[in-house]
Amino acid sequence: MIAEHPFAQYVRILGKGKTGSRSLNADEAYAAMGMIMRSEVEDVQLGAFLMLLRVKEESFEELAGFVRAVRETLRAPSIAVDLDWASYAGKRRQQPWYLLAALALADSGLRVFMHGAAGHTAERIYSEHVLAELGEATARDWQDVSSKLEQGNFAYLPLAQFSPPLQRMIDLRAQFGLRSPVHTLSRLLNPLAADYSIQSIFHPAYADNHQQAAALLGQAHAVVFKGEAGEAERKPEADCRVKSVHNGHLSEAEWPRMLDGRQEKLSELPTTELLNAWRDEHISEYGRLAIQGTIAIALQLRSPELNQEECLAQASAIWNQRNRQRLSATATENL
């Protein structure tokens, strides 16, 4: 007799047919992900586990358990951060205006930490590559994150630098042909334990899970909304439903559309367009509203007592008062 592998129980829970299978509870999810992070799982088991979760769709209890297990492996130092910003989707239709929103918030005095993964989906551009072209080089490690936050209130650290096992699982997309739950749980990591976290999803049905998982994890303040292409960027042409967590209280608000019509998919996404927008040489109405709308959501996350009009007014001021020279020093050399 061949002894059953210890991880088999978790595959069995998920895959025991229509009537016998169920979701993992939070403790089971924690234990399963702990084994994965310690490399105690065979590749065939990992593939089966991730795809069974993908078909079933992960529950918020599973997400919370997964995140707890991953956080124990991060060994992140204590670095003061005002806003955690997850960036795991990439862009293909419109420019990544959310990057300019994050940098404008940094110029306003907020310490913004962004983390994400790149290259997992073809024909998309990713935060770390665009930031490098703009002259905002990604951090190499936690010490570099601290230095960048001190120098300019903004730092981006790739997932591969602080959790190689998660990056490996994200890279399996090429073998699966599908995204796995790792794309979802990575958004909830908040590696530096910031009190405020901003997340986005592409499929609206995932918003509830993000909100409830954040609450279960004890996240003090968080927002999640359907952003353009799945990034945390307000779509000016659509109503935006924002789900929030504030000290255990869950709420929901709808931000009305800011622009009529629908934007066509852009054939190219040149970084020079972002650079010109930052320098005030040229910016489209769509881009300006995407930036200000995104900043406004971040502002209401931090100050929920402000109404939407007040947040939009402050967002406009923050955008207008950005340091226009911030991207001028090295960006031109990179383009």
Protein backbone atom coordinates (compact mmCIF):
# COMPACT_ATOMS: atom_id res chain seq x y z
CA MET A 1 0.00 0.00 0.00
CA ILE A 2 1.19 3.48 -0.88
CA ALA A 3 0.54 5.92 1.96
CA GLU A 4 -1.71 8.84 1.08
CA HIS A 5 0.07 12.15 0.70
CA PRO A 6 -0.84 14.59 3.54
CA PHE A 7 -2.03 17.19 1.03
CA ALA A 8 -4.45 14.78 -0.65
CA GLN A 9 -7.13 15.54 1.94
CA TYR A 10 -7.42 19.12 0.69
CA VAL A 11 -7.70 18.09 -2.94
CA ARG A 12 -10.36 15.56 -1.93
CA ILE A 13 -12.44 18.15 -0.07
CA LEU A 14 -12.63 20.29 -3.20
CA GLY A 15 -12.99 17.52 -5.78
CA LYS A 16 -15.29 14.89 -4.30
CA GLY A 17 -18.08 15.40 -6.81
CA LYS A 18 -21.16 17.58 -6.95
CA THR A 19 -22.65 16.33 -3.70
CA GLY A 20 -19.52 15.42 -1.75
CA SER A 21 -17.28 18.41 -2.34
CA ARG A 22 -17.30 21.63 -0.35
CA SER A 23 -15.23 24.73 0.30
CA LEU A 24 -12.37 24.65 2.75
CA ASN A 25 -12.92 26.39 6.03
CA ALA A 26 -10.45 29.11 7.02
CA ASP A 27 -8.26 26.78 9.09
CA GLU A 28 -8.11 24.16 6.34
CA ALA A 29 -7.21 26.82 3.79
CA TYR A 30 -4.49 28.11 6.11
CA ALA A 31 -3.04 24.63 6.54
CA ALA A 32 -3.20 23.83 2.81
CA MET A 33 -1.51 27.06 1.75
CA GLY A 34 1.09 26.62 4.46
CA MET A 35 2.07 23.29 2.91
CA ILE A 36 2.23 24.87 -0.53
CA MET A 37 4.45 27.70 0.67
CA ARG A 38 6.78 25.19 2.37
CA SER A 39 7.09 23.19 -0.89
CA GLU A 40 5.47 20.15 0.72
CA VAL A 41 3.10 19.62 -2.23
CA GLU A 42 3.66 17.78 -5.51
CA ASP A 43 3.22 19.80 -8.70
CA VAL A 44 0.33 17.61 -9.86
CA GLN A 45 -1.43 18.24 -6.55
CA LEU A 46 -0.86 21.98 -6.80
CA GLY A 47 -2.33 22.10 -10.30
CA ALA A 48 -5.37 20.08 -9.29
CA PHE A 49 -5.90 22.18 -6.15
CA LEU A 50 -5.69 25.52 -7.93
CA MET A 51 -7.97 24.52 -10.80
CA LEU A 52 -10.58 22.95 -8.52
CA LEU A 53 -10.65 26.25 -6.66
CA ARG A 54 -10.89 28.12 -9.95
CA VAL A 55 -13.92 26.08 -11.09
CA LYS A 56 -15.64 26.31 -7.72
CA GLU A 57 -14.61 29.94 -7.11
CA GLU A 58 -12.86 30.57 -3.84
CA SER A 59 -14.84 31.61 -0.76
CA PHE A 60 -13.88 34.52 1.46
CA GLU A 61 -13.01 32.07 4.26
CA GLU A 62 -10.59 30.30 1.91
CA LEU A 63 -9.05 33.59 0.83
CA ALA A 64 -8.55 34.68 4.43
CA GLY A 65 -6.91 31.38 5.33
CA PHE A 66 -4.63 31.53 2.30
CA VAL A 67 -3.57 35.09 3.06
CA ARG A 68 -2.81 34.28 6.70
CA ALA A 69 -0.51 31.44 5.62
CA VAL A 70 1.30 33.51 2.99
CA ARG A 71 1.82 36.46 5.33
CA GLU A 72 3.71 34.22 7.73
CA THR A 73 6.31 33.63 5.00
CA LEU A 74 6.86 37.23 3.89
CA ARG A 75 9.19 38.38 6.66
CA ALA A 76 8.43 41.99 5.80
CA PRO A 77 10.02 44.57 8.10
CA SER A 78 8.14 47.32 9.90
CA ILE A 79 7.85 50.16 7.37
CA ALA A 80 5.30 52.94 7.85
CA VAL A 81 2.83 53.07 4.94
CA ASP A 82 -0.34 55.11 4.56
CA LEU A 83 -1.88 53.25 1.63
CA ASP A 84 -1.43 49.69 0.35
CA TRP A 85 -2.15 49.45 -3.40
CA ALA A 86 -2.46 46.08 -5.15
CA SER A 87 -1.68 45.96 -8.90
CA TYR A 88 -1.99 42.50 -10.43
CA ALA A 89 -4.06 42.82 -13.61
CA GLY A 90 -2.20 44.87 -16.20
CA LYS A 91 -3.74 47.02 -18.90
CA ARG A 92 -4.58 46.44 -22.57
CA ARG A 93 -7.40 48.81 -23.56
CA GLN A 94 -6.55 52.11 -21.86
CA GLN A 95 -3.51 53.77 -20.35
CA PRO A 96 -2.62 52.92 -16.73
CA TRP A 97 -3.88 56.24 -15.37
CA TYR A 98 -3.97 54.74 -11.86
CA LEU A 99 -0.18 55.07 -11.74
CA LEU A 100 -0.42 58.83 -12.08
CA ALA A 101 -3.17 58.87 -9.44
CA ALA A 102 -0.90 56.97 -7.02
CA LEU A 103 2.05 59.27 -7.69
CA ALA A 104 -0.11 62.38 -7.22
CA LEU A 105 -1.27 61.01 -3.86
CA ALA A 106 2.39 60.45 -2.97
CA ASP A 107 3.15 64.06 -3.88
CA SER A 108 0.31 65.13 -1.56
CA GLY A 109 2.14 63.55 1.38
CA LEU A 110 0.74 59.99 1.54
CA ARG A 111 3.20 57.11 1.70
CA VAL A 112 1.96 54.74 -1.01
CA PHE A 113 3.21 51.16 -1.30
CA MET A 114 2.26 49.32 -4.49
CA HIS A 115 2.89 45.64 -5.18
CA GLY A 116 2.03 43.45 -8.13
CA ALA A 117 3.03 40.89 -10.73
CA ALA A 118 3.87 41.26 -14.41
CA GLY A 119 3.95 39.18 -17.56
CA HIS A 120 1.35 36.56 -16.71
CA THR A 121 -1.10 37.58 -19.46
CA ALA A 122 -0.14 38.33 -23.06
CA GLU A 123 -0.74 41.70 -24.70
CA ARG A 124 -0.90 43.63 -21.43
CA ILE A 125 1.34 46.27 -19.96
CA TYR A 126 2.19 46.15 -16.26
CA SER A 127 2.90 48.63 -13.51
CA GLU A 128 6.55 47.75 -12.92
CA HIS A 129 7.48 48.16 -16.59
CA VAL A 130 5.60 51.43 -17.07
CA LEU A 131 6.94 52.88 -13.82
CA ALA A 132 10.49 52.07 -14.90
CA GLU A 133 9.94 53.90 -18.19
CA LEU A 134 8.56 56.89 -16.29
CA GLY A 135 11.68 57.03 -14.14
CA GLU A 136 10.10 55.48 -11.04
CA ALA A 137 12.24 52.35 -10.85
CA THR A 138 10.78 49.42 -8.93
CA ALA A 139 12.32 48.52 -5.59
CA ARG A 140 14.79 45.64 -5.35
CA ASP A 141 14.05 44.61 -1.78
CA TRP A 142 12.47 45.83 1.46
CA GLN A 143 15.39 48.14 2.23
CA ASP A 144 14.96 49.76 -1.16
CA VAL A 145 11.22 50.11 -0.48
CA SER A 146 12.02 52.02 2.70
CA SER A 147 14.48 54.28 0.89
CA LYS A 148 12.05 55.08 -1.92
CA LEU A 149 9.27 55.88 0.51
CA GLU A 150 11.57 58.24 2.38
CA GLN A 151 12.68 59.93 -0.84
CA GLY A 152 9.37 60.23 -2.69
CA ASN A 153 6.51 58.67 -0.68
CA PHE A 154 6.09 55.92 -3.29
CA ALA A 155 7.53 52.45 -3.79
CA TYR A 156 6.61 49.49 -5.98
CA LEU A 157 7.90 46.01 -5.14
CA PRO A 158 7.26 43.09 -7.51
CA LEU A 159 5.68 39.98 -6.01
CA ALA A 160 8.65 37.95 -7.25
CA GLN A 161 10.91 39.89 -4.87
CA PHE A 162 8.94 39.20 -1.68
CA SER A 163 7.12 35.93 -2.43
CA PRO A 164 8.73 33.79 -5.17
CA PRO A 165 6.37 30.85 -4.47
CA LEU A 166 3.32 33.03 -5.23
CA GLN A 167 4.96 34.40 -8.35
CA ARG A 168 5.62 30.84 -9.50
CA MET A 169 1.95 30.00 -9.06
CA ILE A 170 0.87 33.09 -10.99
CA ASP A 171 3.24 32.11 -13.80
CA LEU A 172 1.41 28.78 -14.11
CA ARG A 173 -1.27 30.67 -16.02
CA ALA A 174 0.59 29.82 -19.21
CA GLN A 175 0.16 26.11 -18.45
CA PHE A 176 -3.42 26.33 -17.19
CA GLY A 177 -4.74 28.81 -19.73
CA LEU A 178 -6.63 30.32 -16.79
CA ARG A 179 -5.91 32.58 -13.88
CA SER A 180 -5.86 30.93 -10.50
CA PRO A 181 -7.00 32.08 -7.04
CA VAL A 182 -3.47 33.36 -6.45
CA HIS A 183 -4.35 36.48 -8.45
CA THR A 184 -7.13 37.13 -5.94
CA LEU A 185 -5.31 36.38 -2.69
CA SER A 186 -2.26 38.44 -3.74
CA ARG A 187 -4.43 41.54 -3.83
CA LEU A 188 -5.29 40.98 -0.17
CA LEU A 189 -1.73 40.50 1.10
CA ASN A 190 -1.06 44.05 2.32
CA PRO A 191 2.55 43.00 3.11
CA LEU A 192 3.39 46.07 5.22
CA ALA A 193 0.14 45.98 7.22
CA ALA A 194 -1.05 49.42 6.14
CA ASP A 195 -4.25 50.56 7.83
CA TYR A 196 -5.69 51.51 4.44
CA SER A 197 -5.85 49.20 1.43
CA ILE A 198 -7.17 49.76 -2.10
CA GLN A 199 -8.02 46.80 -4.32
CA SER A 200 -9.80 46.23 -7.59
CA ILE A 201 -11.43 43.33 -9.36
CA PHE A 202 -12.51 42.68 -12.95
CA HIS A 203 -15.50 40.42 -12.27
CA PRO A 204 -18.04 42.19 -10.02
CA ALA A 205 -18.99 38.91 -8.33
CA TYR A 206 -15.57 38.82 -6.63
CA ALA A 207 -16.13 42.12 -4.83
CA ASP A 208 -18.09 40.57 -1.96
CA ASN A 209 -15.37 37.98 -1.34
CA HIS A 210 -12.67 40.66 -1.25
CA GLN A 211 -14.68 42.80 1.14
CA GLN A 212 -15.57 39.95 3.50
CA ALA A 213 -12.07 38.46 3.40
CA ALA A 214 -10.58 41.84 4.27
CA ALA A 215 -12.93 42.11 7.25
CA LEU A 216 -12.15 38.55 8.37
CA LEU A 217 -8.44 39.35 8.19
CA GLY A 218 -8.95 42.35 10.45
CA GLN A 219 -8.08 44.93 7.81
CA ALA A 220 -8.93 48.26 9.44
CA HIS A 221 -9.92 50.13 6.28
CA ALA A 222 -10.27 48.81 2.72
CA VAL A 223 -12.09 49.47 -0.52
CA VAL A 224 -12.64 47.21 -3.50
CA PHE A 225 -14.28 48.10 -6.80
CA LYS A 226 -14.45 46.99 -10.43
CA GLY A 227 -11.67 48.96 -12.07
CA GLU A 228 -10.61 49.34 -15.68
CA ALA A 229 -9.13 45.97 -16.77
CA GLY A 230 -9.07 44.89 -13.13
CA GLU A 231 -6.66 47.57 -11.91
CA ALA A 232 -7.58 50.04 -9.16
CA GLU A 233 -8.61 52.74 -11.61
CA ARG A 234 -11.99 54.44 -11.82
CA LYS A 235 -13.76 54.05 -15.18
CA PRO A 236 -15.24 57.51 -15.86
CA GLU A 237 -17.74 56.11 -18.36
CA ALA A 238 -19.39 53.69 -15.92
CA ASP A 239 -21.15 53.78 -12.59
CA CYS A 240 -18.74 52.53 -9.92
CA ARG A 241 -19.88 50.41 -6.98
CA VAL A 242 -17.39 50.68 -4.13
CA LYS A 243 -17.45 48.20 -1.26
CA SER A 244 -15.75 49.33 1.94
CA VAL A 245 -14.56 47.99 5.26
CA HIS A 246 -14.10 50.38 8.18
CA ASN A 247 -13.20 48.81 11.51
CA GLY A 248 -15.32 45.74 10.86
CA HIS A 249 -18.27 47.63 9.38
CA LEU A 250 -19.08 46.68 5.78
CA SER A 251 -20.74 49.20 3.49
CA GLU A 252 -21.35 49.95 -0.16
CA ALA A 253 -21.66 53.15 -2.18
CA GLU A 254 -22.23 53.91 -5.85
CA TRP A 255 -20.29 56.63 -7.63
CA PRO A 256 -22.13 57.88 -10.73
CA ARG A 257 -20.45 57.92 -14.12
CA MET A 258 -18.41 60.98 -14.97
CA LEU A 259 -18.42 60.72 -18.75
CA ASP A 260 -20.98 59.71 -21.39
CA GLY A 261 -20.21 57.23 -24.13
CA ARG A 262 -17.74 54.36 -24.25
CA GLN A 263 -14.04 54.62 -24.97
CA GLU A 264 -12.65 52.59 -27.83
CA LYS A 265 -9.76 50.21 -27.20
CA LEU A 266 -6.50 52.02 -27.93
CA SER A 267 -4.28 50.43 -30.55
CA GLU A 268 -1.13 51.49 -28.69
CA LEU A 269 -0.31 52.51 -25.13
CA PRO A 270 2.81 54.70 -25.39
CA THR A 271 4.33 55.74 -22.08
CA THR A 272 5.01 59.18 -23.55
CA GLU A 273 1.27 59.87 -23.26
CA LEU A 274 1.46 59.41 -19.49
CA LEU A 275 4.59 61.53 -19.28
CA ASN A 276 2.94 64.36 -21.24
CA ALA A 277 -0.15 64.14 -19.03
CA TRP A 278 1.99 64.44 -15.91
CA ARG A 279 3.90 67.40 -17.29
CA ASP A 280 0.60 69.07 -18.28
CA GLU A 281 1.53 69.16 -21.94
CA HIS A 282 -1.55 67.17 -22.91
CA ILE A 283 -4.14 64.93 -21.25
CA SER A 284 -7.43 63.57 -22.54
CA GLU A 285 -10.67 64.24 -20.69
CA TYR A 286 -10.96 60.51 -20.07
CA GLY A 287 -7.48 60.35 -18.56
CA ARG A 288 -8.03 63.36 -16.32
CA LEU A 289 -11.32 61.99 -15.00
CA ALA A 290 -9.85 58.50 -14.48
CA ILE A 291 -7.04 59.99 -12.39
CA GLN A 292 -9.24 62.29 -10.34
CA GLY A 293 -11.94 59.64 -9.89
CA THR A 294 -9.36 57.16 -8.60
CA ILE A 295 -7.83 59.70 -6.22
CA ALA A 296 -11.30 60.55 -4.93
CA ILE A 297 -12.02 56.91 -4.00
CA ALA A 298 -8.69 56.73 -2.15
CA LEU A 299 -9.53 59.95 -0.30
CA GLN A 300 -12.91 58.68 0.84
CA LEU A 301 -11.25 55.47 1.99
CA ARG A 302 -9.06 57.54 4.30
CA SER A 303 -11.77 60.06 5.23
CA PRO A 304 -15.18 58.37 4.99
CA GLU A 305 -16.85 61.41 6.50
CA LEU A 306 -16.26 63.29 3.22
CA ASN A 307 -18.97 63.07 0.57
CA GLN A 308 -18.22 62.28 -3.06
CA GLU A 309 -18.28 65.91 -4.20
CA GLU A 310 -15.79 66.90 -1.50
CA CYS A 311 -13.51 64.00 -2.44
CA LEU A 312 -13.62 64.91 -6.12
CA ALA A 313 -12.81 68.55 -5.32
CA GLN A 314 -9.85 67.52 -3.18
CA ALA A 315 -8.76 65.05 -5.86
CA SER A 316 -8.72 67.84 -8.44
CA ALA A 317 -6.57 69.95 -6.12
CA ILE A 318 -4.16 67.08 -5.48
CA TRP A 319 -3.79 66.48 -9.22
CA ASN A 320 -3.25 70.16 -9.95
CA GLN A 321 -0.68 70.48 -7.17
CA ARG A 322 1.44 67.44 -8.18
CA ASN A 323 5.17 67.88 -8.66
CA ARG A 324 5.36 68.19 -12.43
CA GLN A 325 9.12 67.73 -12.32
CA ARG A 326 8.88 64.36 -10.57
CA LEU A 327 8.96 62.33 -13.78
CA SER A 328 11.19 64.67 -15.77
CA ALA A 329 14.62 63.79 -14.44
CA THR A 330 15.10 60.27 -15.78
CA ALA A 331 11.97 59.46 -17.75
CA THR A 332 13.14 60.99 -21.03
CA GLU A 333 16.24 58.80 -20.98
CA ASN A 334 14.11 55.67 -20.64
CA LEU A 335 11.81 56.42 -23.58
